[in-house]
PDB file of N, CA and C in Angstrom:
ATOM      1  N   MET A   1     122.583 119.117  85.390  1.00  0.00           N
ATOM      2  CA  MET A   1     121.869 117.901  85.741  1.00  0.00           C
ATOM      3  C   MET A   1     121.319 118.053  87.154  1.00  0.00           C
ATOM      4  N   LYS A   2     120.154 117.458  87.366  1.00  0.00           N
ATOM      5  CA  LYS A   2     119.532 117.524  88.686  1.00  0.00           C
ATOM      6  C   LYS A   2     120.193 116.521  89.618  1.00  0.00           C
ATOM      7  N   PRO A   3     120.577 116.958  90.805  1.00  0.00           N
ATOM      8  CA  PRO A   3     121.221 116.042  91.752  1.00  0.00           C
ATOM      9  C   PRO A   3     120.328 114.851  92.091  1.00  0.00           C
ATOM     10  N   PHE A   4     120.948 113.726  92.361  1.00  0.00           N
ATOM     11  CA  PHE A   4     120.239 112.517  92.743  1.00  0.00           C
ATOM     12  C   PHE A   4     119.531 112.728  94.079  1.00  0.00           C
ATOM     13  N   ASP A   5     118.294 112.269  94.160  1.00  0.00           N
ATOM     14  CA  ASP A   5     117.500 112.355  95.385  1.00  0.00           C
ATOM     15  C   ASP A   5     116.968 110.955  95.686  1.00  0.00           C
ATOM     16  N   LEU A   6     117.530 110.311  96.699  1.00  0.00           N
ATOM     17  CA  LEU A   6     117.192 108.920  97.002  1.00  0.00           C
ATOM     18  C   LEU A   6     115.708 108.731  97.265  1.00  0.00           C
ATOM     19  N   ALA A   7     115.101 109.610  98.058  1.00  0.00           N
ATOM     20  CA  ALA A   7     113.671 109.464  98.379  1.00  0.00           C
ATOM     21  C   ALA A   7     112.817 109.532  97.121  1.00  0.00           C
ATOM     22  N   LYS A   8     113.106 110.472  96.242  1.00  0.00           N
ATOM     23  CA  LYS A   8     112.337 110.596  94.997  1.00  0.00           C
ATOM     24  C   LYS A   8     112.575 109.395  94.089  1.00  0.00           C
ATOM     25  N   ALA A   9     113.816 108.928  94.041  1.00  0.00           N
ATOM     26  CA  ALA A   9     114.135 107.769  93.198  1.00  0.00           C
ATOM     27  C   ALA A   9     113.382 106.534  93.668  1.00  0.00           C
ATOM     28  N   LEU A  10     113.380 106.309  94.980  1.00  0.00           N
ATOM     29  CA  LEU A  10     112.676 105.135  95.512  1.00  0.00           C
ATOM     30  C   LEU A  10     111.159 105.283  95.390  1.00  0.00           C
ATOM     31  N   ALA A  11     110.681 106.526  95.283  1.00  0.00           N
ATOM     32  CA  ALA A  11     109.243 106.776  95.104  1.00  0.00           C
ATOM     33  C   ALA A  11     108.825 106.617  93.640  1.00  0.00           C
ATOM     34  N   GLY A  12     109.794 106.387  92.756  1.00  0.00           N
ATOM     35  CA  GLY A  12     109.451 106.107  91.367  1.00  0.00           C
ATOM     36  C   GLY A  12     109.761 107.193  90.365  1.00  0.00           C
ATOM     37  N   GLU A  13     110.337 108.321  90.806  1.00  0.00           N
ATOM     38  CA  GLU A  13     110.704 109.341  89.825  1.00  0.00           C
ATOM     39  C   GLU A  13     111.852 108.830  88.952  1.00  0.00           C
ATOM     40  N   LYS A  14     111.891 109.317  87.732  1.00  0.00           N
ATOM     41  CA  LYS A  14     112.847 108.828  86.747  1.00  0.00           C
ATOM     42  C   LYS A  14     114.278 109.210  87.123  1.00  0.00           C
ATOM     43  N   VAL A  15     115.187 108.223  87.002  1.00  0.00           N
ATOM     44  CA  VAL A  15     116.606 108.397  87.313  1.00  0.00           C
ATOM     45  C   VAL A  15     117.417 108.045  86.071  1.00  0.00           C
ATOM     46  N   ILE A  16     118.484 108.814  85.845  1.00  0.00           N
ATOM     47  CA  ILE A  16     119.381 108.562  84.717  1.00  0.00           C
ATOM     48  C   ILE A  16     120.824 108.570  85.223  1.00  0.00           C
ATOM     49  N   CYS A  17     121.736 108.085  84.396  1.00  0.00           N
ATOM     50  CA  CYS A  17     123.158 108.213  84.729  1.00  0.00           C
ATOM     51  C   CYS A  17     123.707 109.415  83.961  1.00  0.00           C
ATOM     52  N   ARG A  18     124.958 109.709  84.163  1.00  0.00           N
ATOM     53  CA  ARG A  18     125.576 110.921  83.611  1.00  0.00           C
ATOM     54  C   ARG A  18     125.382 111.067  82.100  1.00  0.00           C
ATOM     55  N   ASP A  19     125.423 109.957  81.353  1.00  0.00           N
ATOM     56  CA  ASP A  19     125.277 110.067  79.897  1.00  0.00           C
ATOM     57  C   ASP A  19     123.834 109.916  79.420  1.00  0.00           C
ATOM     58  N   GLY A  20     122.877 109.919  80.359  1.00  0.00           N
ATOM     59  CA  GLY A  20     121.467 109.934  79.993  1.00  0.00           C
ATOM     60  C   GLY A  20     120.781 108.586  79.945  1.00  0.00           C
ATOM     61  N   LYS A  21     121.499 107.496  80.157  1.00  0.00           N
ATOM     62  CA  LYS A  21     120.849 106.187  80.160  1.00  0.00           C
ATOM     63  C   LYS A  21     119.885 106.110  81.341  1.00  0.00           C
ATOM     64  N   GLU A  22     118.703 105.575  81.083  1.00  0.00           N
ATOM     65  CA  GLU A  22     117.661 105.532  82.103  1.00  0.00           C
ATOM     66  C   GLU A  22     117.782 104.297  82.997  1.00  0.00           C
ATOM     67  N   VAL A  23     117.666 104.525  84.292  1.00  0.00           N
ATOM     68  CA  VAL A  23     117.601 103.438  85.270  1.00  0.00           C
ATOM     69  C   VAL A  23     116.169 102.921  85.245  1.00  0.00           C
ATOM     70  N   THR A  24     115.997 101.625  84.999  1.00  0.00           N
ATOM     71  CA  THR A  24     114.643 101.078  84.942  1.00  0.00           C
ATOM     72  C   THR A  24     114.209 100.463  86.266  1.00  0.00           C
ATOM     73  N   GLU A  25     115.158 100.098  87.117  1.00  0.00           N
ATOM     74  CA  GLU A  25     114.836  99.600  88.465  1.00  0.00           C
ATOM     75  C   GLU A  25     115.924 100.054  89.415  1.00  0.00           C
ATOM     76  N   ILE A  26     115.500 100.388  90.632  1.00  0.00           N
ATOM     77  CA  ILE A  26     116.457 100.758  91.663  1.00  0.00           C
ATOM     78  C   ILE A  26     115.989 100.163  92.988  1.00  0.00           C
ATOM     79  N   LYS A  27     116.898  99.506  93.677  1.00  0.00           N
ATOM     80  CA  LYS A  27     116.582  98.852  94.956  1.00  0.00           C
ATOM     81  C   LYS A  27     117.620  99.252  95.985  1.00  0.00           C
ATOM     82  N   LYS A  28     117.168  99.384  97.222  1.00  0.00           N
ATOM     83  CA  LYS A  28     118.063  99.721  98.321  1.00  0.00           C
ATOM     84  C   LYS A  28     118.187  98.508  99.233  1.00  0.00           C
ATOM     85  N   PHE A  29     119.435  98.168  99.559  1.00  0.00           N
ATOM     86  CA  PHE A  29     119.699  97.040 100.445  1.00  0.00           C
ATOM     87  C   PHE A  29     120.366  97.552 101.718  1.00  0.00           C
ATOM     88  N   LYS A  30     120.068  96.904 102.833  1.00  0.00           N
ATOM     89  CA  LYS A  30     120.680  97.268 104.113  1.00  0.00           C
ATOM     90  C   LYS A  30     122.054  96.634 104.226  1.00  0.00           C
ATOM     91  N   ASN A  31     122.905  97.247 105.042  1.00  0.00           N
ATOM     92  CA  ASN A  31     124.208  96.690 105.424  1.00  0.00           C
ATOM     93  C   ASN A  31     125.099  96.334 104.236  1.00  0.00           C
ATOM     94  N   ALA A  32     125.148  97.189 103.250  1.00  0.00           N
ATOM     95  CA  ALA A  32     126.045  96.978 102.104  1.00  0.00           C
ATOM     96  C   ALA A  32     126.876  98.237 101.927  1.00  0.00           C
ATOM     97  N   SER A  33     128.111  98.088 101.488  1.00  0.00           N
ATOM     98  CA  SER A  33     128.954  99.264 101.293  1.00  0.00           C
ATOM     99  C   SER A  33     128.419 100.156 100.175  1.00  0.00           C
ATOM    100  N   ASN A  34     127.822  99.560  99.165  1.00  0.00           N
ATOM    101  CA  ASN A  34     127.126 100.287  98.097  1.00  0.00           C
ATOM    102  C   ASN A  34     125.701  99.740  98.042  1.00  0.00           C
ATOM    103  N   PRO A  35     124.794 100.318  98.863  1.00  0.00           N
ATOM    104  CA  PRO A  35     123.485  99.708  99.083  1.00  0.00           C
ATOM    105  C   PRO A  35     122.460  99.871  97.963  1.00  0.00           C
ATOM    106  N   LEU A  36     122.754 100.653  96.938  1.00  0.00           N
ATOM    107  CA  LEU A  36     121.804 100.792  95.840  1.00  0.00           C
ATOM    108  C   LEU A  36     122.206  99.895  94.681  1.00  0.00           C
ATOM    109  N   VAL A  37     121.245  99.151  94.178  1.00  0.00           N
ATOM    110  CA  VAL A  37     121.460  98.347  92.978  1.00  0.00           C
ATOM    111  C   VAL A  37     120.523  98.886  91.915  1.00  0.00           C
ATOM    112  N   CYS A  38     121.094  99.220  90.763  1.00  0.00           N
ATOM    113  CA  CYS A  38     120.324  99.788  89.657  1.00  0.00           C
ATOM    114  C   CYS A  38     120.415  98.871  88.441  1.00  0.00           C
ATOM    115  N   TYR A  39     119.325  98.866  87.684  1.00  0.00           N
ATOM    116  CA  TYR A  39     119.313  98.097  86.443  1.00  0.00           C
ATOM    117  C   TYR A  39     119.014  99.049  85.292  1.00  0.00           C
ATOM    118  N   PHE A  40     119.881  98.992  84.283  1.00  0.00           N
ATOM    119  CA  PHE A  40     119.714  99.753  83.051  1.00  0.00           C
ATOM    120  C   PHE A  40     119.251  98.765  81.984  1.00  0.00           C
ATOM    121  N   GLU A  41     117.957  98.706  81.730  1.00  0.00           N
ATOM    122  CA  GLU A  41     117.392  97.684  80.847  1.00  0.00           C
ATOM    123  C   GLU A  41     117.923  97.773  79.415  1.00  0.00           C
ATOM    124  N   LYS A  42     118.035  98.981  78.869  1.00  0.00           N
ATOM    125  CA  LYS A  42     118.444  99.123  77.467  1.00  0.00           C
ATOM    126  C   LYS A  42     119.836  98.577  77.193  1.00  0.00           C
ATOM    127  N   ILE A  43     120.695  98.587  78.207  1.00  0.00           N
ATOM    128  CA  ILE A  43     122.052  98.055  78.005  1.00  0.00           C
ATOM    129  C   ILE A  43     122.291  96.799  78.835  1.00  0.00           C
ATOM    130  N   ASP A  44     121.234  96.282  79.452  1.00  0.00           N
ATOM    131  CA  ASP A  44     121.290  95.053  80.252  1.00  0.00           C
ATOM    132  C   ASP A  44     122.451  95.093  81.243  1.00  0.00           C
ATOM    133  N   LEU A  45     122.417  96.101  82.128  1.00  0.00           N
ATOM    134  CA  LEU A  45     123.507  96.298  83.075  1.00  0.00           C
ATOM    135  C   LEU A  45     122.963  96.510  84.483  1.00  0.00           C
ATOM    136  N   PHE A  46     123.517  95.780  85.441  1.00  0.00           N
ATOM    137  CA  PHE A  46     123.280  96.029  86.853  1.00  0.00           C
ATOM    138  C   PHE A  46     124.491  96.785  87.383  1.00  0.00           C
ATOM    139  N   SER A  47     124.273  97.765  88.269  1.00  0.00           N
ATOM    140  CA  SER A  47     125.391  98.470  88.888  1.00  0.00           C
ATOM    141  C   SER A  47     125.045  98.811  90.327  1.00  0.00           C
ATOM    142  N   THR A  48     126.072  98.967  91.141  1.00  0.00           N
ATOM    143  CA  THR A  48     125.866  99.330  92.546  1.00  0.00           C
ATOM    144  C   THR A  48     126.312 100.767  92.761  1.00  0.00           C
ATOM    145  N   HIS A  49     125.673 101.421  93.741  1.00  0.00           N
ATOM    146  CA  HIS A  49     125.931 102.836  94.003  1.00  0.00           C
ATOM    147  C   HIS A  49     125.823 103.090  95.495  1.00  0.00           C
ATOM    148  N   ASN A  50     126.471 104.181  95.954  1.00  0.00           N
ATOM    149  CA  ASN A  50     126.275 104.554  97.349  1.00  0.00           C
ATOM    150  C   ASN A  50     124.968 105.357  97.468  1.00  0.00           C
ATOM    151  N   LEU A  51     124.619 105.763  98.672  1.00  0.00           N
ATOM    152  CA  LEU A  51     123.313 106.388  98.896  1.00  0.00           C
ATOM    153  C   LEU A  51     123.153 107.755  98.234  1.00  0.00           C
ATOM    154  N   ASP A  52     124.255 108.410  97.881  1.00  0.00           N
ATOM    155  CA  ASP A  52     124.105 109.693  97.187  1.00  0.00           C
ATOM    156  C   ASP A  52     124.179 109.530  95.663  1.00  0.00           C
ATOM    157  N   GLY A  53     124.123 108.285  95.187  1.00  0.00           N
ATOM    158  CA  GLY A  53     124.041 108.013  93.763  1.00  0.00           C
ATOM    159  C   GLY A  53     125.364 107.864  93.043  1.00  0.00           C
ATOM    160  N   ARG A  54     126.458 107.957  93.766  1.00  0.00           N
ATOM    161  CA  ARG A  54     127.756 107.818  93.107  1.00  0.00           C
ATOM    162  C   ARG A  54     128.116 106.352  92.906  1.00  0.00           C
ATOM    163  N   HIS A  55     128.654 106.067  91.739  1.00  0.00           N
ATOM    164  CA  HIS A  55     129.165 104.732  91.433  1.00  0.00           C
ATOM    165  C   HIS A  55     130.579 104.656  91.992  1.00  0.00           C
ATOM    166  N   PRO A  56     130.981 103.527  92.595  1.00  0.00           N
ATOM    167  CA  PRO A  56     132.298 103.462  93.235  1.00  0.00           C
ATOM    168  C   PRO A  56     133.488 103.547  92.276  1.00  0.00           C
ATOM    169  N   ASP A  57     133.308 103.177  91.012  1.00  0.00           N
ATOM    170  CA  ASP A  57     134.452 103.114  90.095  1.00  0.00           C
ATOM    171  C   ASP A  57     134.300 103.931  88.818  1.00  0.00           C
ATOM    172  N   ASP A  58     133.090 104.156  88.367  1.00  0.00           N
ATOM    173  CA  ASP A  58     132.869 104.754  87.053  1.00  0.00           C
ATOM    174  C   ASP A  58     131.931 105.952  87.167  1.00  0.00           C
ATOM    175  N   SER A  59     132.475 107.166  87.083  1.00  0.00           N
ATOM    176  CA  SER A  59     131.636 108.355  87.259  1.00  0.00           C
ATOM    177  C   SER A  59     130.595 108.507  86.155  1.00  0.00           C
ATOM    178  N   GLN A  60     130.771 107.829  85.015  1.00  0.00           N
ATOM    179  CA  GLN A  60     129.749 107.874  83.962  1.00  0.00           C
ATOM    180  C   GLN A  60     128.453 107.206  84.419  1.00  0.00           C
ATOM    181  N   LEU A  61     128.548 106.361  85.449  1.00  0.00           N
ATOM    182  CA  LEU A  61     127.358 105.688  85.978  1.00  0.00           C
ATOM    183  C   LEU A  61     126.792 106.387  87.215  1.00  0.00           C
ATOM    184  N   ASP A  62     127.339 107.551  87.599  1.00  0.00           N
ATOM    185  CA  ASP A  62     126.757 108.315  88.698  1.00  0.00           C
ATOM    186  C   ASP A  62     125.300 108.631  88.370  1.00  0.00           C
ATOM    187  N   LEU A  63     124.467 108.654  89.394  1.00  0.00           N
ATOM    188  CA  LEU A  63     123.026 108.830  89.199  1.00  0.00           C
ATOM    189  C   LEU A  63     122.592 110.282  89.350  1.00  0.00           C
ATOM    190  N   PHE A  64     121.574 110.636  88.572  1.00  0.00           N
ATOM    191  CA  PHE A  64     120.961 111.958  88.611  1.00  0.00           C
ATOM    192  C   PHE A  64     119.461 111.783  88.409  1.00  0.00           C
ATOM    193  N   MET A  65     118.703 112.768  88.848  1.00  0.00           N
ATOM    194  CA  MET A  65     117.274 112.763  88.568  1.00  0.00           C
ATOM    195  C   MET A  65     117.098 113.209  87.115  1.00  0.00           C
ATOM    196  N   ALA A  66     116.207 112.544  86.410  1.00  0.00           N
ATOM    197  CA  ALA A  66     115.971 112.886  85.007  1.00  0.00           C
ATOM    198  C   ALA A  66     115.305 114.255  84.922  1.00  0.00           C
ATOM    199  N   PRO A  67     115.604 115.001  83.870  1.00  0.00           N
ATOM    200  CA  PRO A  67     114.927 116.289  83.716  1.00  0.00           C
ATOM    201  C   PRO A  67     113.436 116.068  83.484  1.00  0.00           C
ATOM    202  N   THR A  68     112.654 116.973  83.985  1.00  0.00           N
ATOM    203  CA  THR A  68     111.209 116.872  83.772  1.00  0.00           C
ATOM    204  C   THR A  68     110.865 117.517  82.434  1.00  0.00           C
ATOM    205  N   THR A  69     109.822 117.047  81.828  1.00  0.00           N
ATOM    206  CA  THR A  69     109.342 117.657  80.591  1.00  0.00           C
ATOM    207  C   THR A  69     107.891 118.046  80.782  1.00  0.00           C
ATOM    208  N   ARG A  70     107.509 119.073  80.083  1.00  0.00           N
ATOM    209  CA  ARG A  70     106.125 119.517  80.123  1.00  0.00           C
ATOM    210  C   ARG A  70     105.608 119.506  78.692  1.00  0.00           C
ATOM    211  N   THR A  71     104.411 118.976  78.505  1.00  0.00           N
ATOM    212  CA  THR A  71     103.796 118.916  77.179  1.00  0.00           C
ATOM    213  C   THR A  71     102.896 120.123  76.975  1.00  0.00           C
ATOM    214  N   TYR A  72     103.009 120.722  75.803  1.00  0.00           N
ATOM    215  CA  TYR A  72     102.171 121.853  75.427  1.00  0.00           C
ATOM    216  C   TYR A  72     101.415 121.501  74.153  1.00  0.00           C
ATOM    217  N   TRP A  73     100.318 122.209  73.905  1.00  0.00           N
ATOM    218  CA  TRP A  73      99.444 121.940  72.768  1.00  0.00           C
ATOM    219  C   TRP A  73      99.144 123.239  72.028  1.00  0.00           C
ATOM    220  N   ALA A  74      98.943 123.130  70.704  1.00  0.00           N
ATOM    221  CA  ALA A  74      98.558 124.287  69.893  1.00  0.00           C
ATOM    222  C   ALA A  74      97.838 123.795  68.647  1.00  0.00           C
ATOM    223  N   ASN A  75      97.076 124.693  68.044  1.00  0.00           N
ATOM    224  CA  ASN A  75      96.412 124.409  66.778  1.00  0.00           C
ATOM    225  C   ASN A  75      97.155 125.115  65.657  1.00  0.00           C
ATOM    226  N   VAL A  76      97.410 124.395  64.573  1.00  0.00           N
ATOM    227  CA  VAL A  76      97.955 124.994  63.353  1.00  0.00           C
ATOM    228  C   VAL A  76      96.732 125.346  62.510  1.00  0.00           C
ATOM    229  N   CYS A  77      96.626 126.631  62.158  1.00  0.00           N
ATOM    230  CA  CYS A  77      95.397 127.112  61.526  1.00  0.00           C
ATOM    231  C   CYS A  77      95.677 127.799  60.193  1.00  0.00           C
ATOM    232  N   ARG A  78      94.609 127.889  59.380  1.00  0.00           N
ATOM    233  CA  ARG A  78      94.671 128.627  58.113  1.00  0.00           C
ATOM    234  C   ARG A  78      93.651 129.758  58.203  1.00  0.00           C
ATOM    235  N   ALA A  79      94.130 130.973  57.968  1.00  0.00           N
ATOM    236  CA  ALA A  79      93.251 132.146  57.982  1.00  0.00           C
ATOM    237  C   ALA A  79      92.471 132.222  56.671  1.00  0.00           C
ATOM    238  N   GLU A  80      91.479 133.111  56.630  1.00  0.00           N
ATOM    239  CA  GLU A  80      90.676 133.275  55.407  1.00  0.00           C
ATOM    240  C   GLU A  80      91.536 133.697  54.220  1.00  0.00           C
ATOM    241  N   ASN A  81      92.637 134.427  54.475  1.00  0.00           N
ATOM    242  CA  ASN A  81      93.527 134.841  53.390  1.00  0.00           C
ATOM    243  C   ASN A  81      94.552 133.748  53.058  1.00  0.00           C
ATOM    244  N   HIS A  82      94.375 132.549  53.637  1.00  0.00           N
ATOM    245  CA  HIS A  82      95.184 131.353  53.407  1.00  0.00           C
ATOM    246  C   HIS A  82      96.550 131.364  54.111  1.00  0.00           C
ATOM    247  N   ASN A  83      96.820 132.376  54.906  1.00  0.00           N
ATOM    248  CA  ASN A  83      98.049 132.368  55.706  1.00  0.00           C
ATOM    249  C   ASN A  83      97.944 131.316  56.805  1.00  0.00           C
ATOM    250  N   ILE A  84      99.060 130.724  57.146  1.00  0.00           N
ATOM    251  CA  ILE A  84      99.125 129.717  58.208  1.00  0.00           C
ATOM    252  C   ILE A  84      99.598 130.412  59.486  1.00  0.00           C
ATOM    253  N   TYR A  85      98.953 130.071  60.593  1.00  0.00           N
ATOM    254  CA  TYR A  85      99.373 130.625  61.881  1.00  0.00           C
ATOM    255  C   TYR A  85      99.164 129.588  62.977  1.00  0.00           C
ATOM    256  N   LEU A  86      99.797 129.851  64.089  1.00  0.00           N
ATOM    257  CA  LEU A  86      99.701 128.980  65.258  1.00  0.00           C
ATOM    258  C   LEU A  86      98.798 129.648  66.284  1.00  0.00           C
ATOM    259  N   SER A  87      97.888 128.874  66.853  1.00  0.00           N
ATOM    260  CA  SER A  87      96.999 129.408  67.889  1.00  0.00           C
ATOM    261  C   SER A  87      97.791 129.708  69.153  1.00  0.00           C
ATOM    262  N   ASP A  88      97.101 130.127  70.186  1.00  0.00           N
ATOM    263  CA  ASP A  88      97.738 130.224  71.503  1.00  0.00           C
ATOM    264  C   ASP A  88      98.249 128.845  71.888  1.00  0.00           C
ATOM    265  N   ILE A  89      99.179 128.818  72.816  1.00  0.00           N
ATOM    266  CA  ILE A  89      99.744 127.556  73.294  1.00  0.00           C
ATOM    267  C   ILE A  89      99.114 127.228  74.632  1.00  0.00           C
ATOM    268  N   TYR A  90      98.713 125.959  74.790  1.00  0.00           N
ATOM    269  CA  TYR A  90      97.989 125.519  75.977  1.00  0.00           C
ATOM    270  C   TYR A  90      98.743 124.407  76.694  1.00  0.00           C
ATOM    271  N   ARG A  91      98.495 124.307  77.988  1.00  0.00           N
ATOM    272  CA  ARG A  91      99.137 123.260  78.790  1.00  0.00           C
ATOM    273  C   ARG A  91      98.354 121.957  78.796  1.00  0.00           C
ATOM    274  N   HIS A  92      97.086 122.005  78.403  1.00  0.00           N
ATOM    275  CA  HIS A  92      96.252 120.802  78.467  1.00  0.00           C
ATOM    276  C   HIS A  92      95.554 120.589  77.125  1.00  0.00           C
ATOM    277  N   GLU A  93      95.441 119.341  76.745  1.00  0.00           N
ATOM    278  CA  GLU A  93      94.818 118.996  75.465  1.00  0.00           C
ATOM    279  C   GLU A  93      93.367 119.464  75.394  1.00  0.00           C
ATOM    280  N   LYS A  94      92.653 119.349  76.504  1.00  0.00           N
ATOM    281  CA  LYS A  94      91.238 119.741  76.481  1.00  0.00           C
ATOM    282  C   LYS A  94      91.080 121.239  76.180  1.00  0.00           C
ATOM    283  N   GLU A  95      92.049 122.057  76.581  1.00  0.00           N
ATOM    284  CA  GLU A  95      91.991 123.492  76.296  1.00  0.00           C
ATOM    285  C   GLU A  95      92.200 123.774  74.818  1.00  0.00           C
ATOM    286  N   VAL A  96      93.132 123.063  74.183  1.00  0.00           N
ATOM    287  CA  VAL A  96      93.397 123.295  72.768  1.00  0.00           C
ATOM    288  C   VAL A  96      92.222 122.791  71.920  1.00  0.00           C
ATOM    289  N   ILE A  97      91.561 121.742  72.356  1.00  0.00           N
ATOM    290  CA  ILE A  97      90.377 121.253  71.639  1.00  0.00           C
ATOM    291  C   ILE A  97      89.268 122.299  71.709  1.00  0.00           C
ATOM    292  N   LYS A  98      89.090 122.900  72.862  1.00  0.00           N
ATOM    293  CA  LYS A  98      88.098 123.963  73.042  1.00  0.00           C
ATOM    294  C   LYS A  98      88.438 125.163  72.155  1.00  0.00           C
ATOM    295  N   ASP A  99      89.725 125.434  71.975  1.00  0.00           N
ATOM    296  CA  ASP A  99      90.206 126.560  71.179  1.00  0.00           C
ATOM    297  C   ASP A  99      89.883 126.400  69.691  1.00  0.00           C
ATOM    298  N   LYS A 100      89.692 125.169  69.224  1.00  0.00           N
ATOM    299  CA  LYS A 100      89.433 124.927  67.802  1.00  0.00           C
ATOM    300  C   LYS A 100      88.237 125.724  67.290  1.00  0.00           C
ATOM    301  N   ALA A 101      87.225 125.915  68.115  1.00  0.00           N
ATOM    302  CA  ALA A 101      86.006 126.603  67.694  1.00  0.00           C
ATOM    303  C   ALA A 101      86.241 128.087  67.400  1.00  0.00           C
ATOM    304  N   THR A 102      87.349 128.643  67.845  1.00  0.00           N
ATOM    305  CA  THR A 102      87.603 130.075  67.659  1.00  0.00           C
ATOM    306  C   THR A 102      88.377 130.377  66.373  1.00  0.00           C
ATOM    307  N   HIS A 103      88.693 129.360  65.579  1.00  0.00           N
ATOM    308  CA  HIS A 103      89.482 129.563  64.360  1.00  0.00           C
ATOM    309  C   HIS A 103      88.684 129.143  63.132  1.00  0.00           C
ATOM    310  N   VAL A 104      88.948 129.824  62.012  1.00  0.00           N
ATOM    311  CA  VAL A 104      88.237 129.526  60.765  1.00  0.00           C
ATOM    312  C   VAL A 104      88.513 128.102  60.314  1.00  0.00           C
ATOM    313  N   LYS A 105      89.779 127.729  60.243  1.00  0.00           N
ATOM    314  CA  LYS A 105      90.136 126.386  59.779  1.00  0.00           C
ATOM    315  C   LYS A 105      91.326 125.888  60.586  1.00  0.00           C
ATOM    316  N   VAL A 106      91.140 124.790  61.300  1.00  0.00           N
ATOM    317  CA  VAL A 106      92.241 124.155  62.019  1.00  0.00           C
ATOM    318  C   VAL A 106      92.769 123.037  61.141  1.00  0.00           C
ATOM    319  N   ILE A 107      94.041 123.133  60.784  1.00  0.00           N
ATOM    320  CA  ILE A 107      94.671 122.123  59.940  1.00  0.00           C
ATOM    321  C   ILE A 107      95.049 120.904  60.767  1.00  0.00           C
ATOM    322  N   LYS A 108      95.628 121.175  61.936  1.00  0.00           N
ATOM    323  CA  LYS A 108      96.107 120.083  62.768  1.00  0.00           C
ATOM    324  C   LYS A 108      96.326 120.598  64.188  1.00  0.00           C
ATOM    325  N   THR A 109      96.111 119.722  65.165  1.00  0.00           N
ATOM    326  CA  THR A 109      96.473 120.008  66.555  1.00  0.00           C
ATOM    327  C   THR A 109      97.795 119.311  66.821  1.00  0.00           C
ATOM    328  N   ILE A 110      98.737 120.050  67.383  1.00  0.00           N
ATOM    329  CA  ILE A 110     100.065 119.495  67.634  1.00  0.00           C
ATOM    330  C   ILE A 110     100.389 119.561  69.127  1.00  0.00           C
ATOM    331  N   SER A 111     101.289 118.677  69.527  1.00  0.00           N
ATOM    332  CA  SER A 111     101.824 118.737  70.891  1.00  0.00           C
ATOM    333  C   SER A 111     103.334 118.721  70.786  1.00  0.00           C
ATOM    334  N   PHE A 112     103.978 119.313  71.781  1.00  0.00           N
ATOM    335  CA  PHE A 112     105.438 119.304  71.843  1.00  0.00           C
ATOM    336  C   PHE A 112     105.859 119.371  73.294  1.00  0.00           C
ATOM    337  N   GLU A 113     107.070 118.896  73.554  1.00  0.00           N
ATOM    338  CA  GLU A 113     107.579 118.859  74.928  1.00  0.00           C
ATOM    339  C   GLU A 113     108.759 119.800  75.070  1.00  0.00           C
ATOM    340  N   ILE A 114     108.829 120.416  76.242  1.00  0.00           N
ATOM    341  CA  ILE A 114     109.961 121.255  76.589  1.00  0.00           C
ATOM    342  C   ILE A 114     110.538 120.735  77.880  1.00  0.00           C
ATOM    343  N   ALA A 115     111.832 120.480  77.880  1.00  0.00           N
ATOM    344  CA  ALA A 115     112.502 119.986  79.078  1.00  0.00           C
ATOM    345  C   ALA A 115     112.704 121.136  80.055  1.00  0.00           C
ATOM    346  N   GLY A 116     112.512 120.825  81.323  1.00  0.00           N
ATOM    347  CA  GLY A 116     112.716 121.815  82.380  1.00  0.00           C
ATOM    348  C   GLY A 116     113.683 121.276  83.394  1.00  0.00           C
ATOM    349  N   ASP A 117     113.672 121.877  84.558  1.00  0.00           N
ATOM    350  CA  ASP A 117     114.570 121.423  85.630  1.00  0.00           C
ATOM    351  C   ASP A 117     113.989 120.274  86.339  1.00  0.00           C
TER     352      ASP A 117
END
């Protein structure tokens, strides 16, 4: 898991707790023993945390930066001999659309995500 980064969290990057629940709001308050208040919308829960993202009582609520994902694109194609193949894989949709012209028959354009650090 990526360590919690307060500056990135306050700048709007996605934050999760240890079990993957997403923090939907995070606020920092001055002069509090646990100055971060987080809201987990899906479970309707408010929790407090110290500045390094640790929850004072429940380590399952410790904060981490969410993993980043990258979207890739490819064309599923049919060759003249009717075999199915996948085109090159592209990082941008506009590139895969441009790639369509190089294949005999494009059945479908697909996208998929891969999680990174």
